[in-house]
PDB file of N, CA and C in Angstrom:
ATOM      1  N   MET A   1      35.337  -6.706  49.680  1.00  0.00           N
ATOM      2  CA  MET A   1      36.113  -7.506  50.055  1.00  0.00           C
ATOM      3  C   MET A   1      37.566  -7.407  48.700  1.00  0.00           C
ATOM      4  N   GLN A   2      37.004  -7.815  47.317  1.00  0.00           N
ATOM      5  CA  GLN A   2      38.331  -7.629  46.376  1.00  0.00           C
ATOM      6  C   GLN A   2      39.714  -6.285  46.200  1.00  0.00           C
ATOM      7  N   ALA A   3      38.679  -5.108  47.173  1.00  0.00           N
ATOM      8  CA  ALA A   3      40.091  -4.007  47.126  1.00  0.00           C
ATOM      9  C   ALA A   3      40.573  -3.883  48.472  1.00  0.00           C
ATOM     10  N   VAL A   4      40.547  -5.245  49.435  1.00  0.00           N
ATOM     11  CA  VAL A   4      41.484  -5.108  50.101  1.00  0.00           C
ATOM     12  C   VAL A   4      41.899  -7.119  50.820  1.00  0.00           C
ATOM     13  N   PRO A   5      42.286  -7.146  49.558  1.00  0.00           N
ATOM     14  CA  PRO A   5      42.303  -8.744  49.965  1.00  0.00           C
ATOM     15  C   PRO A   5      43.007  -9.244  50.881  1.00  0.00           C
ATOM     16  N   GLU A   6      44.192  -8.757  51.283  1.00  0.00           N
ATOM     17  CA  GLU A   6      44.675  -9.384  53.008  1.00  0.00           C
ATOM     18  C   GLU A   6      44.372  -8.791  54.407  1.00  0.00           C
ATOM     19  N   TRP A   7      42.532  -8.274  53.930  1.00  0.00           N
ATOM     20  CA  TRP A   7      42.242  -8.186  54.921  1.00  0.00           C
ATOM     21  C   TRP A   7      41.442  -9.262  55.436  1.00  0.00           C
ATOM     22  N   SER A   8      40.933  -9.571  56.638  1.00  0.00           N
ATOM     23  CA  SER A   8      39.626 -10.352  57.249  1.00  0.00           C
ATOM     24  C   SER A   8      37.980  -9.777  57.766  1.00  0.00           C
ATOM     25  N   VAL A   9      37.592 -10.983  57.745  1.00  0.00           N
ATOM     26  CA  VAL A   9      36.596 -10.235  58.446  1.00  0.00           C
ATOM     27  C   VAL A   9      36.713 -10.822  60.097  1.00  0.00           C
ATOM     28  N   VAL A  10      36.720 -10.023  61.064  1.00  0.00           N
ATOM     29  CA  VAL A  10      36.903 -11.081  62.287  1.00  0.00           C
ATOM     30  C   VAL A  10      35.680 -10.399  63.264  1.00  0.00           C
ATOM     31  N   ASP A  11      34.948 -10.976  63.881  1.00  0.00           N
ATOM     32  CA  ASP A  11      33.686 -10.310  64.874  1.00  0.00           C
ATOM     33  C   ASP A  11      33.332  -8.853  64.360  1.00  0.00           C
ATOM     34  N   ASP A  12      33.055  -8.835  62.914  1.00  0.00           N
ATOM     35  CA  ASP A  12      32.497  -7.417  62.939  1.00  0.00           C
ATOM     36  C   ASP A  12      33.072  -6.643  62.194  1.00  0.00           C
ATOM     37  N   ALA A  13      34.502  -7.011  61.974  1.00  0.00           N
ATOM     38  CA  ALA A  13      35.452  -5.916  61.966  1.00  0.00           C
ATOM     39  C   ALA A  13      36.500  -6.178  61.221  1.00  0.00           C
ATOM     40  N   LEU A  14      37.007  -5.221  60.132  1.00  0.00           N
ATOM     41  CA  LEU A  14      37.932  -5.440  58.947  1.00  0.00           C
ATOM     42  C   LEU A  14      39.604  -5.410  59.937  1.00  0.00           C
ATOM     43  N   GLU A  15      40.269  -6.430  59.764  1.00  0.00           N
ATOM     44  CA  GLU A  15      41.128  -6.506  60.445  1.00  0.00           C
ATOM     45  C   GLU A  15      42.564  -7.376  59.405  1.00  0.00           C
ATOM     46  N   ARG A  16      43.934  -6.685  60.092  1.00  0.00           N
ATOM     47  CA  ARG A  16      44.875  -6.880  59.436  1.00  0.00           C
ATOM     48  C   ARG A  16      46.025  -6.923  60.396  1.00  0.00           C
ATOM     49  N   ARG A  17      46.584  -7.910  60.069  1.00  0.00           N
ATOM     50  CA  ARG A  17      47.910  -8.219  61.156  1.00  0.00           C
ATOM     51  C   ARG A  17      49.575  -7.205  60.368  1.00  0.00           C
ATOM     52  N   PHE A  18      49.933  -5.723  60.039  1.00  0.00           N
ATOM     53  CA  PHE A  18      51.362  -5.417  59.733  1.00  0.00           C
ATOM     54  C   PHE A  18      52.411  -6.007  60.151  1.00  0.00           C
ATOM     55  N   THR A  19      53.504  -6.301  59.293  1.00  0.00           N
ATOM     56  CA  THR A  19      54.758  -6.494  60.283  1.00  0.00           C
ATOM     57  C   THR A  19      56.151  -5.876  60.070  1.00  0.00           C
ATOM     58  N   PHE A  20      56.436  -5.053  60.514  1.00  0.00           N
ATOM     59  CA  PHE A  20      57.914  -4.251  60.224  1.00  0.00           C
ATOM     60  C   PHE A  20      59.008  -4.800  60.961  1.00  0.00           C
ATOM     61  N   ALA A  21      60.358  -4.222  60.235  1.00  0.00           N
ATOM     62  CA  ALA A  21      61.648  -4.892  60.777  1.00  0.00           C
ATOM     63  C   ALA A  21      62.265  -4.452  62.417  1.00  0.00           C
ATOM     64  N   ASP A  22      61.261  -3.358  62.823  1.00  0.00           N
ATOM     65  CA  ASP A  22      61.696  -3.184  63.815  1.00  0.00           C
ATOM     66  C   ASP A  22      60.468  -2.155  64.180  1.00  0.00           C
ATOM     67  N   PHE A  23      60.597  -2.105  65.617  1.00  0.00           N
ATOM     68  CA  PHE A  23      59.941  -0.752  66.641  1.00  0.00           C
ATOM     69  C   PHE A  23      59.925   0.100  65.779  1.00  0.00           C
ATOM     70  N   HIS A  24      60.881   0.770  65.740  1.00  0.00           N
ATOM     71  CA  HIS A  24      60.853   2.333  64.929  1.00  0.00           C
ATOM     72  C   HIS A  24      59.986   2.257  64.243  1.00  0.00           C
ATOM     73  N   ARG A  25      60.142   1.224  62.854  1.00  0.00           N
ATOM     74  CA  ARG A  25      59.507   1.193  61.762  1.00  0.00           C
ATOM     75  C   ARG A  25      57.748   1.113  61.860  1.00  0.00           C
ATOM     76  N   THR A  26      57.350   0.456  63.071  1.00  0.00           N
ATOM     77  CA  THR A  26      56.083  -0.421  63.368  1.00  0.00           C
ATOM     78  C   THR A  26      55.386   1.410  64.098  1.00  0.00           C
ATOM     79  N   MET A  27      56.409   2.223  64.905  1.00  0.00           N
ATOM     80  CA  MET A  27      55.716   3.527  64.824  1.00  0.00           C
ATOM     81  C   MET A  27      55.687   4.611  63.997  1.00  0.00           C
ATOM     82  N   ASP A  28      56.510   4.443  62.767  1.00  0.00           N
ATOM     83  CA  ASP A  28      56.267   4.996  61.802  1.00  0.00           C
ATOM     84  C   ASP A  28      55.165   5.187  61.094  1.00  0.00           C
ATOM     85  N   PHE A  29      54.985   3.919  61.309  1.00  0.00           N
ATOM     86  CA  PHE A  29      53.291   3.291  60.607  1.00  0.00           C
ATOM     87  C   PHE A  29      52.114   3.540  61.170  1.00  0.00           C
ATOM     88  N   VAL A  30      51.922   3.144  62.962  1.00  0.00           N
ATOM     89  CA  VAL A  30      50.996   3.950  63.460  1.00  0.00           C
ATOM     90  C   VAL A  30      50.539   5.911  63.097  1.00  0.00           C
ATOM     91  N   ASN A  31      51.634   6.331  63.549  1.00  0.00           N
ATOM     92  CA  ASN A  31      51.933   7.781  63.507  1.00  0.00           C
ATOM     93  C   ASN A  31      51.110   7.876  61.749  1.00  0.00           C
ATOM     94  N   ALA A  32      51.970   6.852  60.747  1.00  0.00           N
ATOM     95  CA  ALA A  32      50.954   7.999  59.650  1.00  0.00           C
ATOM     96  C   ALA A  32      49.486   7.176  59.271  1.00  0.00           C
ATOM     97  N   LEU A  33      49.376   6.339  60.511  1.00  0.00           N
ATOM     98  CA  LEU A  33      47.588   5.892  60.128  1.00  0.00           C
ATOM     99  C   LEU A  33      47.188   6.629  61.068  1.00  0.00           C
ATOM    100  N   ALA A  34      47.371   7.553  62.114  1.00  0.00           N
ATOM    101  CA  ALA A  34      46.567   8.370  62.788  1.00  0.00           C
ATOM    102  C   ALA A  34      46.529   9.459  62.356  1.00  0.00           C
ATOM    103  N   GLN A  35      47.227   9.668  61.208  1.00  0.00           N
ATOM    104  CA  GLN A  35      46.806  11.060  60.129  1.00  0.00           C
ATOM    105  C   GLN A  35      45.271  10.684  59.327  1.00  0.00           C
ATOM    106  N   ILE A  36      45.646   9.145  59.088  1.00  0.00           N
ATOM    107  CA  ILE A  36      44.219   9.457  58.514  1.00  0.00           C
ATOM    108  C   ILE A  36      43.346   9.141  59.192  1.00  0.00           C
ATOM    109  N   ALA A  37      43.753   8.669  60.250  1.00  0.00           N
ATOM    110  CA  ALA A  37      42.086   8.426  60.762  1.00  0.00           C
ATOM    111  C   ALA A  37      41.437   9.675  61.211  1.00  0.00           C
ATOM    112  N   HIS A  38      43.043  10.809  61.987  1.00  0.00           N
ATOM    113  CA  HIS A  38      42.038  12.252  62.117  1.00  0.00           C
ATOM    114  C   HIS A  38      41.532  12.462  60.780  1.00  0.00           C
ATOM    115  N   ARG A  39      41.963  12.418  59.604  1.00  0.00           N
ATOM    116  CA  ARG A  39      41.645  13.254  58.558  1.00  0.00           C
ATOM    117  C   ARG A  39      39.940  12.018  58.366  1.00  0.00           C
ATOM    118  N   GLN A  40      39.695  11.110  58.578  1.00  0.00           N
ATOM    119  CA  GLN A  40      38.059  10.421  58.469  1.00  0.00           C
ATOM    120  C   GLN A  40      37.491  10.501  59.442  1.00  0.00           C
ATOM    121  N   ASP A  41      38.150  11.179  60.414  1.00  0.00           N
ATOM    122  CA  ASP A  41      37.452  11.301  61.688  1.00  0.00           C
ATOM    123  C   ASP A  41      36.765   9.728  61.935  1.00  0.00           C
ATOM    124  N   HIS A  42      37.531   8.718  61.841  1.00  0.00           N
ATOM    125  CA  HIS A  42      37.291   7.766  62.284  1.00  0.00           C
ATOM    126  C   HIS A  42      38.591   6.401  62.544  1.00  0.00           C
ATOM    127  N   HIS A  43      38.348   6.514  63.536  1.00  0.00           N
ATOM    128  CA  HIS A  43      39.667   5.338  64.523  1.00  0.00           C
ATOM    129  C   HIS A  43      39.835   4.169  64.890  1.00  0.00           C
ATOM    130  N   PRO A  44      40.802   3.588  64.288  1.00  0.00           N
ATOM    131  CA  PRO A  44      40.700   2.369  64.307  1.00  0.00           C
ATOM    132  C   PRO A  44      41.378   1.640  65.914  1.00  0.00           C
ATOM    133  N   ASP A  45      41.005   0.845  66.341  1.00  0.00           N
ATOM    134  CA  ASP A  45      41.142  -0.284  67.243  1.00  0.00           C
ATOM    135  C   ASP A  45      42.806  -0.888  66.307  1.00  0.00           C
ATOM    136  N   LEU A  46      43.631  -0.440  67.987  1.00  0.00           N
ATOM    137  CA  LEU A  46      45.448  -0.955  67.279  1.00  0.00           C
ATOM    138  C   LEU A  46      45.764  -1.673  68.025  1.00  0.00           C
ATOM    139  N   GLN A  47      46.516  -3.091  68.032  1.00  0.00           N
ATOM    140  CA  GLN A  47      47.221  -4.015  68.891  1.00  0.00           C
ATOM    141  C   GLN A  47      48.859  -4.101  68.200  1.00  0.00           C
ATOM    142  N   ILE A  48      49.316  -2.761  69.548  1.00  0.00           N
ATOM    143  CA  ILE A  48      51.058  -2.306  68.808  1.00  0.00           C
ATOM    144  C   ILE A  48      52.173  -3.431  69.720  1.00  0.00           C
ATOM    145  N   GLY A  49      53.007  -4.075  68.939  1.00  0.00           N
ATOM    146  CA  GLY A  49      54.003  -4.746  69.932  1.00  0.00           C
ATOM    147  C   GLY A  49      55.448  -4.569  68.643  1.00  0.00           C
ATOM    148  N   HIS A  50      56.488  -5.090  68.800  1.00  0.00           N
ATOM    149  CA  HIS A  50      57.693  -4.855  68.486  1.00  0.00           C
ATOM    150  C   HIS A  50      57.679  -5.556  67.368  1.00  0.00           C
ATOM    151  N   GLY A  51      57.479  -4.546  66.193  1.00  0.00           N
ATOM    152  CA  GLY A  51      57.497  -4.919  64.686  1.00  0.00           C
ATOM    153  C   GLY A  51      56.441  -5.244  64.115  1.00  0.00           C
ATOM    154  N   HIS A  52      55.193  -4.987  65.219  1.00  0.00           N
ATOM    155  CA  HIS A  52      53.838  -5.801  63.933  1.00  0.00           C
ATOM    156  C   HIS A  52      53.264  -5.079  64.769  1.00  0.00           C
ATOM    157  N   CYS A  53      51.858  -4.467  63.891  1.00  0.00           N
ATOM    158  CA  CYS A  53      50.631  -4.149  64.447  1.00  0.00           C
ATOM    159  C   CYS A  53      49.827  -4.140  63.255  1.00  0.00           C
ATOM    160  N   GLN A  54      48.579  -4.650  64.752  1.00  0.00           N
ATOM    161  CA  GLN A  54      47.106  -5.284  64.161  1.00  0.00           C
ATOM    162  C   GLN A  54      45.980  -3.860  64.359  1.00  0.00           C
ATOM    163  N   VAL A  55      45.150  -3.978  62.763  1.00  0.00           N
ATOM    164  CA  VAL A  55      44.331  -3.274  62.688  1.00  0.00           C
ATOM    165  C   VAL A  55      43.633  -3.712  62.382  1.00  0.00           C
ATOM    166  N   ARG A  56      42.448  -2.817  63.487  1.00  0.00           N
ATOM    167  CA  ARG A  56      41.097  -3.483  63.046  1.00  0.00           C
ATOM    168  C   ARG A  56      40.155  -1.990  62.989  1.00  0.00           C
ATOM    169  N   TRP A  57      39.178  -2.132  61.881  1.00  0.00           N
ATOM    170  CA  TRP A  57      38.355  -0.960  61.221  1.00  0.00           C
ATOM    171  C   TRP A  57      37.284  -1.494  61.569  1.00  0.00           C
ATOM    172  N   GLN A  58      36.086  -0.473  62.313  1.00  0.00           N
ATOM    173  CA  GLN A  58      34.866  -1.084  61.911  1.00  0.00           C
ATOM    174  C   GLN A  58      34.424   0.094  62.478  1.00  0.00           C
ATOM    175  N   THR A  59      32.950   0.556  62.470  1.00  0.00           N
ATOM    176  CA  THR A  59      32.406   1.319  62.447  1.00  0.00           C
ATOM    177  C   THR A  59      31.118   1.358  63.784  1.00  0.00           C
ATOM    178  N   HIS A  60      31.372   1.600  64.941  1.00  0.00           N
ATOM    179  CA  HIS A  60      30.608   1.480  65.948  1.00  0.00           C
ATOM    180  C   HIS A  60      29.395   1.714  66.238  1.00  0.00           C
ATOM    181  N   SER A  61      29.048   2.853  65.911  1.00  0.00           N
ATOM    182  CA  SER A  61      27.342   3.699  66.000  1.00  0.00           C
ATOM    183  C   SER A  61      26.957   2.199  64.903  1.00  0.00           C
ATOM    184  N   ALA A  62      27.207   1.444  64.009  1.00  0.00           N
ATOM    185  CA  ALA A  62      26.732   0.970  63.262  1.00  0.00           C
ATOM    186  C   ALA A  62      26.462  -0.957  63.456  1.00  0.00           C
ATOM    187  N   HIS A  63      27.497  -0.986  64.177  1.00  0.00           N
ATOM    188  CA  HIS A  63      27.933  -2.472  64.624  1.00  0.00           C
ATOM    189  C   HIS A  63      28.391  -3.280  63.951  1.00  0.00           C
ATOM    190  N   GLY A  64      28.838  -2.318  63.262  1.00  0.00           N
ATOM    191  CA  GLY A  64      29.194  -3.706  62.011  1.00  0.00           C
ATOM    192  C   GLY A  64      30.493  -2.390  60.904  1.00  0.00           C
ATOM    193  N   ILE A  65      30.557  -3.028  59.905  1.00  0.00           N
ATOM    194  CA  ILE A  65      31.798  -2.545  58.636  1.00  0.00           C
ATOM    195  C   ILE A  65      30.600  -1.709  57.908  1.00  0.00           C
ATOM    196  N   THR A  66      30.803  -0.852  57.556  1.00  0.00           N
ATOM    197  CA  THR A  66      30.322   0.343  56.647  1.00  0.00           C
ATOM    198  C   THR A  66      31.631   0.667  55.661  1.00  0.00           C
ATOM    199  N   ILE A  67      30.996   0.766  54.860  1.00  0.00           N
ATOM    200  CA  ILE A  67      31.874   1.283  53.670  1.00  0.00           C
ATOM    201  C   ILE A  67      33.269   2.505  54.147  1.00  0.00           C
ATOM    202  N   ASN A  68      33.072   3.025  54.828  1.00  0.00           N
ATOM    203  CA  ASN A  68      33.959   3.834  55.801  1.00  0.00           C
ATOM    204  C   ASN A  68      35.436   2.939  56.493  1.00  0.00           C
ATOM    205  N   ASP A  69      35.084   1.900  56.194  1.00  0.00           N
ATOM    206  CA  ASP A  69      35.893   1.078  56.970  1.00  0.00           C
ATOM    207  C   ASP A  69      37.047   0.418  55.551  1.00  0.00           C
ATOM    208  N   PHE A  70      36.338   0.288  54.344  1.00  0.00           N
ATOM    209  CA  PHE A  70      36.540   0.216  53.598  1.00  0.00           C
ATOM    210  C   PHE A  70      37.748   0.819  52.992  1.00  0.00           C
ATOM    211  N   ILE A  71      36.887   2.074  53.068  1.00  0.00           N
ATOM    212  CA  ILE A  71      38.048   3.342  52.339  1.00  0.00           C
ATOM    213  C   ILE A  71      39.493   2.980  53.634  1.00  0.00           C
ATOM    214  N   CYS A  72      38.995   3.115  54.720  1.00  0.00           N
ATOM    215  CA  CYS A  72      40.047   3.367  55.941  1.00  0.00           C
ATOM    216  C   CYS A  72      40.695   2.461  55.340  1.00  0.00           C
ATOM    217  N   ALA A  73      40.721   1.463  55.015  1.00  0.00           N
ATOM    218  CA  ALA A  73      41.853   0.017  54.661  1.00  0.00           C
ATOM    219  C   ALA A  73      42.139   0.031  53.769  1.00  0.00           C
ATOM    220  N   VAL A  74      42.027   0.772  52.442  1.00  0.00           N
ATOM    221  CA  VAL A  74      42.308   1.385  51.222  1.00  0.00           C
ATOM    222  C   VAL A  74      43.584   1.876  51.478  1.00  0.00           C
ATOM    223  N   ARG A  75      43.358   3.161  52.368  1.00  0.00           N
ATOM    224  CA  ARG A  75      44.353   3.990  52.864  1.00  0.00           C
ATOM    225  C   ARG A  75      44.683   3.337  53.619  1.00  0.00           C
ATOM    226  N   THR A  76      45.023   2.579  53.972  1.00  0.00           N
ATOM    227  CA  THR A  76      46.154   2.005  55.566  1.00  0.00           C
ATOM    228  C   THR A  76      46.713   0.700  54.307  1.00  0.00           C
ATOM    229  N   ASP A  77      46.410   0.121  53.347  1.00  0.00           N
ATOM    230  CA  ASP A  77      47.283  -0.454  52.510  1.00  0.00           C
ATOM    231  C   ASP A  77      48.413   0.497  52.016  1.00  0.00           C
ATOM    232  N   ALA A  78      48.050   1.442  51.783  1.00  0.00           N
ATOM    233  CA  ALA A  78      48.504   2.675  50.690  1.00  0.00           C
ATOM    234  C   ALA A  78      49.545   2.731  51.401  1.00  0.00           C
ATOM    235  N   LEU A  79      49.678   2.963  52.861  1.00  0.00           N
ATOM    236  CA  LEU A  79      50.687   3.587  53.296  1.00  0.00           C
ATOM    237  C   LEU A  79      51.703   3.031  53.622  1.00  0.00           C
ATOM    238  N   LEU A  80      52.148   1.288  52.795  1.00  0.00           N
ATOM    239  CA  LEU A  80      53.149   0.405  52.893  1.00  0.00           C
ATOM    240  C   LEU A  80      53.784   0.835  51.260  1.00  0.00           C
ATOM    241  N   ASP A  81      52.597   1.448  50.295  1.00  0.00           N
ATOM    242  CA  ASP A  81      53.874   1.874  49.379  1.00  0.00           C
ATOM    243  C   ASP A  81      54.011   3.139  49.387  1.00  0.00           C
ATOM    244  N   ASP A  82      53.691   4.319  50.425  1.00  0.00           N
ATOM    245  CA  ASP A  82      54.344   5.193  50.653  1.00  0.00           C
ATOM    246  C   ASP A  82      55.783   4.918  51.876  1.00  0.00           C
ATOM    247  N   GLY A  83      55.747   3.983  51.686  1.00  0.00           N
ATOM    248  CA  GLY A  83      57.284   3.635  52.335  1.00  0.00           C
ATOM    249  C   GLY A  83      57.270   3.098  54.051  1.00  0.00           C
ATOM    250  N   CYS A  84      56.103   3.139  54.474  1.00  0.00           N
ATOM    251  CA  CYS A  84      55.775   2.991  56.115  1.00  0.00           C
ATOM    252  C   CYS A  84      56.190   1.505  56.134  1.00  0.00           C
TER     253      CYS A  84
END
């Protein structure tokens, strides 16, 4: 959890809410996140609204959190550094 301090463990998943100035920036983030998910072949649960996106990483086959979820959370956080 030290590598992803902004994330919480909720119901056996890593979860974080991201906020943005508007819907377009939210969708830019979601589209960039989709590229990460595709490359990792690991797909988060998303809840998207005007100016926000809730991201949940969980390995369903493991019924909980695995190292891949932490890797994806770190890569998700890096999107903010990349201008999303």
